[in-house]
Amino acid sequence: MIAPNGEELFEFRIADEASTLDAVADAAVLMRPESDDKTANAERQLISAIRGASDAGLDKLDKLAAVGGVDGKILKRYRAFAAMKPIKDVLDQFQEDRQSARSQEEAMALMTKVGEKFYGMLKTGTAAPDASSQEGLMFWYFTMQVAVEKKDKEIGLQGINALEKSPQGEQMKPMLDQMRSQLGIE
């Protein structure tokens, strides 16, 4: 989306009605004139981070989210963004590292490393994402490889349930049945 002054606010690809309405609302927030209004500035910075136009840390963004009067819809979207950010960061690093992998073995080792990170995140209390987004789907795919290897039925079942509910759940049924069998889950 481009502001009237020609500044690029964020990249947007038309997907569905909800994302288009979010993009229009976000553009309206980002095009507000600068002011001393703490709430308006907090909303602008939160939207900028959600849209990937800012690399502000979660500590700073959490403080902005705590400013009184911030729109509830923006806060809800920020919370979802903040929950997924550590997962996205790991996946972004994986994509970068994968580009330099020189062999299939190196690529497989990177996948295992990512799975171990995600598995560790779950074990230390990170909220598990659903598998409705690409990031959530990848989170569970990588994590399930480790859960099966470790014979962790609890995380395995959690992952199987998340993947079954995903848009690709039906296509994944044979793989999920195999994972159930490997984990001894009937």
N, C-alpha and C. Protein backbone atom coordinates (compact mmCIF):
# COMPACT_ATOMS: atom_id res chain seq x y z
N MET A 1 0.84 -1.16 0.00
CA MET A 1 0.00 0.00 0.00
C MET A 1 0.90 1.23 0.00
N ILE A 2 0.49 2.21 -0.75
CA ILE A 2 1.26 3.44 -0.91
C ILE A 2 0.46 4.60 -0.31
N ALA A 3 1.14 5.42 0.49
CA ALA A 3 0.52 6.62 1.07
C ALA A 3 0.40 7.69 -0.01
N PRO A 4 -0.46 8.68 0.19
CA PRO A 4 -0.61 9.75 -0.81
C PRO A 4 0.71 10.47 -1.12
N ASN A 5 1.64 10.50 -0.16
CA ASN A 5 2.91 11.17 -0.41
C ASN A 5 3.89 10.28 -1.17
N GLY A 6 3.47 9.05 -1.54
CA GLY A 6 4.31 8.14 -2.29
C GLY A 6 5.10 7.17 -1.44
N GLU A 7 5.04 7.32 -0.12
CA GLU A 7 5.77 6.42 0.78
C GLU A 7 5.09 5.06 0.77
N GLU A 8 5.92 4.00 0.66
CA GLU A 8 5.37 2.65 0.72
C GLU A 8 5.12 2.31 2.19
N LEU A 9 3.86 2.02 2.52
CA LEU A 9 3.49 1.70 3.89
C LEU A 9 3.79 0.24 4.22
N PHE A 10 3.40 -0.66 3.33
CA PHE A 10 3.66 -2.08 3.48
C PHE A 10 3.27 -2.77 2.20
N GLU A 11 3.81 -3.97 2.01
CA GLU A 11 3.47 -4.76 0.83
C GLU A 11 2.18 -5.52 1.11
N PHE A 12 1.31 -5.57 0.13
CA PHE A 12 0.03 -6.25 0.32
C PHE A 12 -0.34 -6.99 -0.95
N ARG A 13 -0.73 -8.25 -0.76
CA ARG A 13 -1.24 -9.06 -1.86
C ARG A 13 -2.68 -9.42 -1.52
N ILE A 14 -3.56 -9.18 -2.46
CA ILE A 14 -4.97 -9.48 -2.22
C ILE A 14 -5.12 -10.98 -2.01
N ALA A 15 -5.77 -11.32 -0.89
CA ALA A 15 -5.97 -12.74 -0.57
C ALA A 15 -7.46 -13.00 -0.38
N ASP A 16 -8.00 -12.49 0.70
CA ASP A 16 -9.41 -12.69 0.99
C ASP A 16 -9.98 -11.38 1.54
N GLU A 17 -11.27 -11.37 1.76
CA GLU A 17 -11.93 -10.14 2.19
C GLU A 17 -11.41 -9.65 3.54
N ALA A 18 -11.21 -10.57 4.48
CA ALA A 18 -10.75 -10.17 5.82
C ALA A 18 -9.37 -9.52 5.77
N SER A 19 -8.44 -10.12 5.01
CA SER A 19 -7.10 -9.54 4.94
C SER A 19 -7.10 -8.21 4.19
N THR A 20 -7.99 -8.08 3.22
CA THR A 20 -8.10 -6.81 2.50
C THR A 20 -8.64 -5.72 3.43
N LEU A 21 -9.66 -6.05 4.22
CA LEU A 21 -10.19 -5.07 5.17
C LEU A 21 -9.15 -4.70 6.22
N ASP A 22 -8.36 -5.68 6.69
CA ASP A 22 -7.28 -5.38 7.63
C ASP A 22 -6.27 -4.43 7.00
N ALA A 23 -5.93 -4.68 5.74
CA ALA A 23 -4.94 -3.84 5.05
C ALA A 23 -5.44 -2.40 4.92
N VAL A 24 -6.70 -2.23 4.59
CA VAL A 24 -7.27 -0.89 4.46
C VAL A 24 -7.27 -0.18 5.82
N ALA A 25 -7.68 -0.90 6.86
CA ALA A 25 -7.68 -0.32 8.21
C ALA A 25 -6.26 0.02 8.65
N ASP A 26 -5.30 -0.86 8.34
CA ASP A 26 -3.91 -0.60 8.70
C ASP A 26 -3.37 0.63 7.98
N ALA A 27 -3.69 0.74 6.71
CA ALA A 27 -3.24 1.90 5.94
C ALA A 27 -3.80 3.19 6.54
N ALA A 28 -5.07 3.16 6.97
CA ALA A 28 -5.67 4.35 7.58
C ALA A 28 -4.93 4.74 8.85
N VAL A 29 -4.53 3.75 9.66
CA VAL A 29 -3.78 4.04 10.89
C VAL A 29 -2.41 4.60 10.54
N LEU A 30 -1.74 4.00 9.59
CA LEU A 30 -0.38 4.42 9.24
C LEU A 30 -0.35 5.79 8.56
N MET A 31 -1.45 6.20 7.93
CA MET A 31 -1.48 7.49 7.24
C MET A 31 -1.94 8.64 8.14
N ARG A 32 -2.29 8.33 9.39
CA ARG A 32 -2.66 9.42 10.30
C ARG A 32 -1.49 10.39 10.42
N PRO A 33 -1.79 11.67 10.53
CA PRO A 33 -0.68 12.62 10.72
C PRO A 33 0.01 12.38 12.07
N GLU A 34 1.33 12.63 12.10
CA GLU A 34 2.08 12.52 13.34
C GLU A 34 1.48 13.48 14.36
N SER A 35 1.46 13.04 15.62
CA SER A 35 0.91 13.89 16.67
C SER A 35 1.55 13.52 18.00
N ASP A 36 1.16 14.22 19.03
CA ASP A 36 1.64 13.91 20.39
C ASP A 36 0.72 12.91 21.08
N ASP A 37 -0.27 12.40 20.37
CA ASP A 37 -1.23 11.46 20.93
C ASP A 37 -0.55 10.10 21.12
N LYS A 38 -0.33 9.71 22.39
CA LYS A 38 0.39 8.47 22.68
C LYS A 38 -0.34 7.24 22.13
N THR A 39 -1.66 7.26 22.20
CA THR A 39 -2.44 6.11 21.71
C THR A 39 -2.29 5.97 20.20
N ALA A 40 -2.43 7.07 19.48
CA ALA A 40 -2.30 7.03 18.02
C ALA A 40 -0.90 6.59 17.61
N ASN A 41 0.11 7.09 18.30
CA ASN A 41 1.48 6.69 17.97
C ASN A 41 1.73 5.22 18.29
N ALA A 42 1.18 4.73 19.41
CA ALA A 42 1.32 3.32 19.76
C ALA A 42 0.66 2.45 18.69
N GLU A 43 -0.55 2.82 18.28
CA GLU A 43 -1.25 2.04 17.25
C GLU A 43 -0.45 2.03 15.95
N ARG A 44 0.10 3.17 15.57
CA ARG A 44 0.87 3.26 14.33
C ARG A 44 2.10 2.34 14.41
N GLN A 45 2.80 2.35 15.53
CA GLN A 45 4.00 1.53 15.67
C GLN A 45 3.67 0.03 15.74
N LEU A 46 2.56 -0.30 16.38
CA LEU A 46 2.15 -1.71 16.43
C LEU A 46 1.79 -2.23 15.04
N ILE A 47 1.03 -1.44 14.30
CA ILE A 47 0.66 -1.84 12.94
C ILE A 47 1.90 -1.95 12.07
N SER A 48 2.82 -1.02 12.22
CA SER A 48 4.06 -1.06 11.45
C SER A 48 4.81 -2.36 11.72
N ALA A 49 4.86 -2.79 12.97
CA ALA A 49 5.54 -4.05 13.32
C ALA A 49 4.78 -5.25 12.77
N ILE A 50 3.48 -5.26 12.92
CA ILE A 50 2.66 -6.37 12.42
C ILE A 50 2.85 -6.53 10.91
N ARG A 51 2.95 -5.40 10.21
CA ARG A 51 3.10 -5.42 8.75
C ARG A 51 4.53 -5.65 8.30
N GLY A 52 5.47 -5.79 9.25
CA GLY A 52 6.85 -6.07 8.89
C GLY A 52 7.66 -4.86 8.48
N ALA A 53 7.12 -3.67 8.71
CA ALA A 53 7.83 -2.45 8.34
C ALA A 53 8.70 -1.93 9.47
N SER A 54 8.69 -2.61 10.60
CA SER A 54 9.48 -2.22 11.76
C SER A 54 10.08 -3.47 12.37
N ASP A 55 11.29 -3.34 12.85
CA ASP A 55 11.91 -4.48 13.52
C ASP A 55 12.06 -4.22 15.02
N ALA A 56 11.13 -3.44 15.56
CA ALA A 56 11.15 -3.15 17.00
C ALA A 56 11.03 -4.46 17.77
N GLY A 57 11.73 -4.54 18.89
CA GLY A 57 11.68 -5.73 19.72
C GLY A 57 10.36 -5.88 20.44
N LEU A 58 10.08 -7.11 20.86
CA LEU A 58 8.81 -7.38 21.55
C LEU A 58 8.69 -6.62 22.86
N ASP A 59 9.81 -6.37 23.54
CA ASP A 59 9.75 -5.60 24.80
C ASP A 59 9.17 -4.21 24.54
N LYS A 60 9.69 -3.54 23.52
CA LYS A 60 9.19 -2.20 23.18
C LYS A 60 7.73 -2.27 22.72
N LEU A 61 7.43 -3.25 21.90
CA LEU A 61 6.07 -3.37 21.38
C LEU A 61 5.07 -3.70 22.50
N ASP A 62 5.49 -4.53 23.45
CA ASP A 62 4.61 -4.83 24.59
C ASP A 62 4.27 -3.56 25.37
N LYS A 63 5.23 -2.67 25.52
CA LYS A 63 4.99 -1.39 26.21
C LYS A 63 3.99 -0.54 25.41
N LEU A 64 4.14 -0.55 24.11
CA LEU A 64 3.20 0.20 23.26
C LEU A 64 1.80 -0.40 23.36
N ALA A 65 1.72 -1.73 23.42
CA ALA A 65 0.42 -2.39 23.53
C ALA A 65 -0.26 -2.07 24.86
N ALA A 66 0.52 -1.69 25.85
CA ALA A 66 -0.04 -1.37 27.17
C ALA A 66 -0.52 0.08 27.29
N VAL A 67 -0.29 0.88 26.26
CA VAL A 67 -0.75 2.27 26.29
C VAL A 67 -2.28 2.27 26.31
N GLY A 68 -2.84 3.06 27.18
CA GLY A 68 -4.30 3.13 27.31
C GLY A 68 -4.98 3.58 26.03
N GLY A 69 -6.10 2.95 25.73
CA GLY A 69 -6.93 3.38 24.60
C GLY A 69 -6.59 2.74 23.26
N VAL A 70 -5.56 1.88 23.20
CA VAL A 70 -5.23 1.24 21.92
C VAL A 70 -6.40 0.36 21.50
N ASP A 71 -6.77 0.47 20.24
CA ASP A 71 -7.91 -0.27 19.68
C ASP A 71 -7.79 -1.76 19.97
N GLY A 72 -8.89 -2.36 20.42
CA GLY A 72 -8.91 -3.77 20.78
C GLY A 72 -8.57 -4.70 19.62
N LYS A 73 -8.99 -4.35 18.40
CA LYS A 73 -8.66 -5.19 17.24
C LYS A 73 -7.17 -5.18 16.97
N ILE A 74 -6.55 -4.03 17.15
CA ILE A 74 -5.09 -3.93 16.95
C ILE A 74 -4.39 -4.76 18.02
N LEU A 75 -4.86 -4.66 19.26
CA LEU A 75 -4.25 -5.44 20.34
C LEU A 75 -4.37 -6.94 20.09
N LYS A 76 -5.52 -7.38 19.62
CA LYS A 76 -5.72 -8.81 19.33
C LYS A 76 -4.75 -9.27 18.24
N ARG A 77 -4.62 -8.47 17.20
CA ARG A 77 -3.70 -8.83 16.12
C ARG A 77 -2.25 -8.78 16.59
N TYR A 78 -1.94 -7.81 17.45
CA TYR A 78 -0.58 -7.73 17.98
C TYR A 78 -0.26 -8.97 18.82
N ARG A 79 -1.18 -9.40 19.64
CA ARG A 79 -0.94 -10.58 20.48
C ARG A 79 -0.67 -11.81 19.61
N ALA A 80 -1.42 -11.96 18.54
CA ALA A 80 -1.19 -13.08 17.62
C ALA A 80 0.18 -12.94 16.95
N PHE A 81 0.52 -11.72 16.55
CA PHE A 81 1.83 -11.45 15.95
C PHE A 81 2.95 -11.77 16.93
N ALA A 82 2.81 -11.31 18.18
CA ALA A 82 3.85 -11.51 19.19
C ALA A 82 4.03 -12.99 19.51
N ALA A 83 2.94 -13.74 19.50
CA ALA A 83 3.03 -15.18 19.78
C ALA A 83 3.77 -15.91 18.66
N MET A 84 3.59 -15.47 17.44
CA MET A 84 4.21 -16.15 16.29
C MET A 84 5.62 -15.64 15.98
N LYS A 85 5.99 -14.49 16.51
CA LYS A 85 7.29 -13.91 16.16
C LYS A 85 8.47 -14.83 16.45
N PRO A 86 8.56 -15.46 17.62
CA PRO A 86 9.70 -16.36 17.83
C PRO A 86 9.73 -17.52 16.83
N ILE A 87 8.57 -18.00 16.45
CA ILE A 87 8.49 -19.09 15.47
C ILE A 87 8.93 -18.59 14.11
N LYS A 88 8.44 -17.41 13.71
CA LYS A 88 8.84 -16.83 12.42
C LYS A 88 10.34 -16.57 12.39
N ASP A 89 10.91 -16.10 13.50
CA ASP A 89 12.34 -15.83 13.55
C ASP A 89 13.14 -17.11 13.29
N VAL A 90 12.74 -18.22 13.92
CA VAL A 90 13.43 -19.50 13.71
C VAL A 90 13.27 -19.94 12.25
N LEU A 91 12.07 -19.81 11.70
CA LEU A 91 11.84 -20.22 10.31
C LEU A 91 12.61 -19.34 9.33
N ASP A 92 12.68 -18.04 9.60
CA ASP A 92 13.45 -17.14 8.73
C ASP A 92 14.92 -17.53 8.73
N GLN A 93 15.46 -17.84 9.91
CA GLN A 93 16.85 -18.26 10.00
C GLN A 93 17.06 -19.59 9.28
N PHE A 94 16.11 -20.49 9.41
CA PHE A 94 16.18 -21.77 8.71
C PHE A 94 16.24 -21.56 7.19
N GLN A 95 15.38 -20.70 6.68
CA GLN A 95 15.37 -20.43 5.22
C GLN A 95 16.72 -19.88 4.78
N GLU A 96 17.26 -18.98 5.58
CA GLU A 96 18.56 -18.39 5.26
C GLU A 96 19.66 -19.47 5.28
N ASP A 97 19.66 -20.27 6.33
CA ASP A 97 20.69 -21.32 6.47
C ASP A 97 20.54 -22.39 5.38
N ARG A 98 19.32 -22.69 5.03
CA ARG A 98 19.07 -23.72 4.02
C ARG A 98 19.66 -23.34 2.66
N GLN A 99 19.68 -22.04 2.39
CA GLN A 99 20.25 -21.58 1.11
C GLN A 99 21.72 -21.93 0.98
N SER A 100 22.41 -22.01 2.12
CA SER A 100 23.85 -22.30 2.08
C SER A 100 24.16 -23.77 2.33
N ALA A 101 23.15 -24.59 2.55
CA ALA A 101 23.39 -26.03 2.76
C ALA A 101 23.98 -26.62 1.48
N ARG A 102 25.03 -27.39 1.65
CA ARG A 102 25.74 -27.93 0.48
C ARG A 102 25.32 -29.34 0.12
N SER A 103 24.53 -29.96 0.99
CA SER A 103 24.13 -31.34 0.70
C SER A 103 22.76 -31.60 1.32
N GLN A 104 22.18 -32.70 0.91
CA GLN A 104 20.90 -33.14 1.46
C GLN A 104 21.05 -33.42 2.95
N GLU A 105 22.20 -33.97 3.35
CA GLU A 105 22.45 -34.27 4.76
C GLU A 105 22.47 -32.99 5.60
N GLU A 106 23.12 -31.94 5.07
CA GLU A 106 23.14 -30.66 5.79
C GLU A 106 21.73 -30.09 5.92
N ALA A 107 20.95 -30.19 4.86
CA ALA A 107 19.57 -29.69 4.89
C ALA A 107 18.75 -30.46 5.92
N MET A 108 18.93 -31.78 5.97
CA MET A 108 18.21 -32.59 6.94
C MET A 108 18.64 -32.24 8.38
N ALA A 109 19.92 -31.99 8.57
CA ALA A 109 20.42 -31.60 9.90
C ALA A 109 19.81 -30.26 10.33
N LEU A 110 19.66 -29.35 9.38
CA LEU A 110 19.03 -28.06 9.69
C LEU A 110 17.57 -28.25 10.10
N MET A 111 16.88 -29.14 9.40
CA MET A 111 15.48 -29.42 9.74
C MET A 111 15.37 -29.99 11.15
N THR A 112 16.29 -30.90 11.49
CA THR A 112 16.29 -31.49 12.84
C THR A 112 16.57 -30.41 13.88
N LYS A 113 17.49 -29.52 13.58
CA LYS A 113 17.83 -28.42 14.51
C LYS A 113 16.61 -27.53 14.76
N VAL A 114 15.88 -27.23 13.70
CA VAL A 114 14.66 -26.41 13.84
C VAL A 114 13.62 -27.17 14.66
N GLY A 115 13.44 -28.45 14.37
CA GLY A 115 12.50 -29.26 15.14
C GLY A 115 12.85 -29.28 16.61
N GLU A 116 14.14 -29.41 16.92
CA GLU A 116 14.60 -29.39 18.32
C GLU A 116 14.30 -28.05 18.98
N LYS A 117 14.50 -26.96 18.24
CA LYS A 117 14.19 -25.63 18.80
C LYS A 117 12.70 -25.52 19.12
N PHE A 118 11.87 -25.92 18.18
CA PHE A 118 10.42 -25.83 18.39
C PHE A 118 9.97 -26.74 19.53
N TYR A 119 10.51 -27.94 19.55
CA TYR A 119 10.18 -28.89 20.61
C TYR A 119 10.57 -28.29 21.96
N GLY A 120 11.75 -27.71 22.03
CA GLY A 120 12.20 -27.06 23.26
C GLY A 120 11.31 -25.89 23.65
N MET A 121 10.84 -25.15 22.66
CA MET A 121 9.93 -24.03 22.95
C MET A 121 8.66 -24.54 23.63
N LEU A 122 8.12 -25.64 23.12
CA LEU A 122 6.91 -26.21 23.73
C LEU A 122 7.19 -26.69 25.15
N LYS A 123 8.33 -27.32 25.33
CA LYS A 123 8.68 -27.86 26.65
C LYS A 123 8.90 -26.75 27.68
N THR A 124 9.25 -25.55 27.22
CA THR A 124 9.49 -24.44 28.16
C THR A 124 8.30 -23.49 28.25
N GLY A 125 7.16 -23.91 27.71
CA GLY A 125 5.94 -23.14 27.92
C GLY A 125 5.48 -22.22 26.82
N THR A 126 6.15 -22.21 25.67
CA THR A 126 5.68 -21.40 24.56
C THR A 126 4.32 -21.94 24.11
N ALA A 127 3.39 -21.04 23.89
CA ALA A 127 2.06 -21.46 23.44
C ALA A 127 2.16 -22.10 22.05
N ALA A 128 1.53 -23.23 21.91
CA ALA A 128 1.55 -23.95 20.64
C ALA A 128 0.62 -23.27 19.65
N PRO A 129 1.11 -23.01 18.44
CA PRO A 129 0.23 -22.41 17.43
C PRO A 129 -0.68 -23.46 16.82
N ASP A 130 -1.75 -22.98 16.21
CA ASP A 130 -2.53 -23.92 15.41
C ASP A 130 -1.80 -24.05 14.08
N ALA A 131 -2.26 -24.91 13.24
CA ALA A 131 -1.57 -25.16 11.96
C ALA A 131 -2.32 -24.53 10.79
N SER A 132 -3.06 -23.45 11.07
CA SER A 132 -3.83 -22.82 10.00
C SER A 132 -2.98 -21.90 9.13
N SER A 133 -1.87 -21.40 9.65
CA SER A 133 -0.97 -20.56 8.86
C SER A 133 0.21 -21.40 8.36
N GLN A 134 0.92 -20.88 7.40
CA GLN A 134 2.10 -21.58 6.89
C GLN A 134 3.13 -21.78 8.01
N GLU A 135 3.31 -20.75 8.85
CA GLU A 135 4.27 -20.85 9.95
C GLU A 135 3.84 -21.92 10.96
N GLY A 136 2.56 -21.93 11.30
CA GLY A 136 2.04 -22.93 12.24
C GLY A 136 2.16 -24.34 11.69
N LEU A 137 1.89 -24.48 10.41
CA LEU A 137 2.02 -25.78 9.76
C LEU A 137 3.47 -26.27 9.80
N MET A 138 4.40 -25.39 9.48
CA MET A 138 5.81 -25.76 9.51
C MET A 138 6.29 -26.04 10.93
N PHE A 139 5.79 -25.25 11.89
CA PHE A 139 6.13 -25.48 13.30
C PHE A 139 5.81 -26.92 13.66
N TRP A 140 4.58 -27.33 13.37
CA TRP A 140 4.16 -28.67 13.76
C TRP A 140 4.85 -29.75 12.95
N TYR A 141 5.10 -29.51 11.68
CA TYR A 141 5.79 -30.51 10.86
C TYR A 141 7.17 -30.79 11.45
N PHE A 142 7.94 -29.74 11.72
CA PHE A 142 9.28 -29.92 12.28
C PHE A 142 9.23 -30.52 13.69
N THR A 143 8.29 -30.04 14.51
CA THR A 143 8.19 -30.51 15.89
C THR A 143 7.80 -31.99 15.93
N MET A 144 6.92 -32.40 15.05
CA MET A 144 6.46 -33.78 15.04
C MET A 144 7.60 -34.76 14.75
N GLN A 145 8.54 -34.35 13.91
CA GLN A 145 9.67 -35.23 13.62
C GLN A 145 10.43 -35.54 14.91
N VAL A 146 10.61 -34.53 15.76
CA VAL A 146 11.33 -34.71 17.02
C VAL A 146 10.47 -35.48 18.01
N ALA A 147 9.18 -35.17 18.08
CA ALA A 147 8.29 -35.88 19.01
C ALA A 147 8.28 -37.38 18.71
N VAL A 148 8.25 -37.73 17.44
CA VAL A 148 8.26 -39.15 17.05
C VAL A 148 9.60 -39.77 17.45
N GLU A 149 10.69 -39.06 17.16
CA GLU A 149 12.02 -39.58 17.51
C GLU A 149 12.15 -39.80 19.01
N LYS A 150 11.58 -38.90 19.81
CA LYS A 150 11.68 -38.99 21.27
C LYS A 150 10.55 -39.83 21.89
N LYS A 151 9.64 -40.30 21.03
CA LYS A 151 8.49 -41.09 21.49
C LYS A 151 7.66 -40.31 22.52
N ASP A 152 7.52 -39.00 22.28
CA ASP A 152 6.77 -38.12 23.18
C ASP A 152 5.30 -38.11 22.74
N LYS A 153 4.51 -38.95 23.40
CA LYS A 153 3.10 -39.09 23.02
C LYS A 153 2.31 -37.81 23.25
N GLU A 154 2.61 -37.08 24.32
CA GLU A 154 1.86 -35.86 24.65
C GLU A 154 2.00 -34.82 23.54
N ILE A 155 3.23 -34.48 23.20
CA ILE A 155 3.45 -33.50 22.13
C ILE A 155 3.05 -34.09 20.79
N GLY A 156 3.29 -35.38 20.60
CA GLY A 156 2.88 -36.02 19.37
C GLY A 156 1.39 -35.91 19.12
N LEU A 157 0.61 -36.19 20.14
CA LEU A 157 -0.85 -36.10 19.99
C LEU A 157 -1.29 -34.66 19.78
N GLN A 158 -0.65 -33.73 20.48
CA GLN A 158 -0.96 -32.32 20.29
C GLN A 158 -0.69 -31.90 18.84
N GLY A 159 0.43 -32.34 18.29
CA GLY A 159 0.77 -32.02 16.91
C GLY A 159 -0.15 -32.69 15.91
N ILE A 160 -0.46 -33.95 16.15
CA ILE A 160 -1.38 -34.66 15.25
C ILE A 160 -2.73 -33.95 15.21
N ASN A 161 -3.24 -33.58 16.38
CA ASN A 161 -4.52 -32.87 16.43
C ASN A 161 -4.45 -31.54 15.69
N ALA A 162 -3.35 -30.79 15.89
CA ALA A 162 -3.21 -29.50 15.20
C ALA A 162 -3.15 -29.69 13.70
N LEU A 163 -2.38 -30.66 13.25
CA LEU A 163 -2.24 -30.90 11.81
C LEU A 163 -3.53 -31.43 11.19
N GLU A 164 -4.27 -32.25 11.92
CA GLU A 164 -5.56 -32.75 11.40
C GLU A 164 -6.54 -31.60 11.17
N LYS A 165 -6.48 -30.58 12.02
CA LYS A 165 -7.39 -29.44 11.90
C LYS A 165 -6.94 -28.42 10.87
N SER A 166 -5.74 -28.59 10.34
CA SER A 166 -5.21 -27.64 9.36
C SER A 166 -5.94 -27.78 8.03
N PRO A 167 -5.83 -26.76 7.18
CA PRO A 167 -6.44 -26.87 5.85
C PRO A 167 -5.91 -28.06 5.04
N GLN A 168 -4.70 -28.53 5.36
CA GLN A 168 -4.11 -29.67 4.65
C GLN A 168 -4.32 -30.98 5.40
N GLY A 169 -5.12 -30.96 6.44
CA GLY A 169 -5.30 -32.13 7.30
C GLY A 169 -5.67 -33.40 6.57
N GLU A 170 -6.58 -33.30 5.64
CA GLU A 170 -7.01 -34.49 4.91
C GLU A 170 -5.88 -35.07 4.07
N GLN A 171 -5.10 -34.20 3.44
CA GLN A 171 -3.96 -34.65 2.63
C GLN A 171 -2.88 -35.29 3.50
N MET A 172 -2.79 -34.87 4.75
CA MET A 172 -1.74 -35.36 5.64
C MET A 172 -2.14 -36.63 6.38
N LYS A 173 -3.36 -37.08 6.19
CA LYS A 173 -3.86 -38.22 6.95
C LYS A 173 -2.93 -39.43 6.92
N PRO A 174 -2.43 -39.87 5.77
CA PRO A 174 -1.53 -41.04 5.78
C PRO A 174 -0.27 -40.81 6.63
N MET A 175 0.33 -39.63 6.52
CA MET A 175 1.52 -39.32 7.32
C MET A 175 1.17 -39.29 8.81
N LEU A 176 0.03 -38.70 9.15
CA LEU A 176 -0.38 -38.60 10.55
C LEU A 176 -0.70 -39.98 11.12
N ASP A 177 -1.31 -40.85 10.32
CA ASP A 177 -1.57 -42.22 10.76
C ASP A 177 -0.26 -42.95 11.04
N GLN A 178 0.73 -42.72 10.18
CA GLN A 178 2.04 -43.34 10.38
C GLN A 178 2.68 -42.82 11.68
N MET A 179 2.56 -41.53 11.93
CA MET A 179 3.11 -40.95 13.16
C MET A 179 2.39 -41.51 14.40
N ARG A 180 1.08 -41.66 14.29
CA ARG A 180 0.32 -42.28 15.39
C ARG A 180 0.87 -43.67 15.70
N SER A 181 1.09 -44.41 14.65
CA SER A 181 1.60 -45.77 14.82
C SER A 181 2.99 -45.76 15.44
N GLN A 182 3.85 -44.87 14.97
CA GLN A 182 5.22 -44.78 15.52
C GLN A 182 5.22 -44.38 16.98
N LEU A 183 4.22 -43.59 17.39
CA LEU A 183 4.12 -43.14 18.78
C LEU A 183 3.31 -44.12 19.65
N GLY A 184 2.68 -45.11 19.02
CA GLY A 184 1.86 -46.05 19.77
C GLY A 184 0.54 -45.45 20.21
N ILE A 185 0.03 -44.52 19.40
CA ILE A 185 -1.25 -43.85 19.70
C ILE A 185 -2.29 -44.44 18.76
N GLU A 186 -3.36 -44.91 19.34
CA GLU A 186 -4.43 -45.48 18.49
C GLU A 186 -5.65 -44.62 18.52
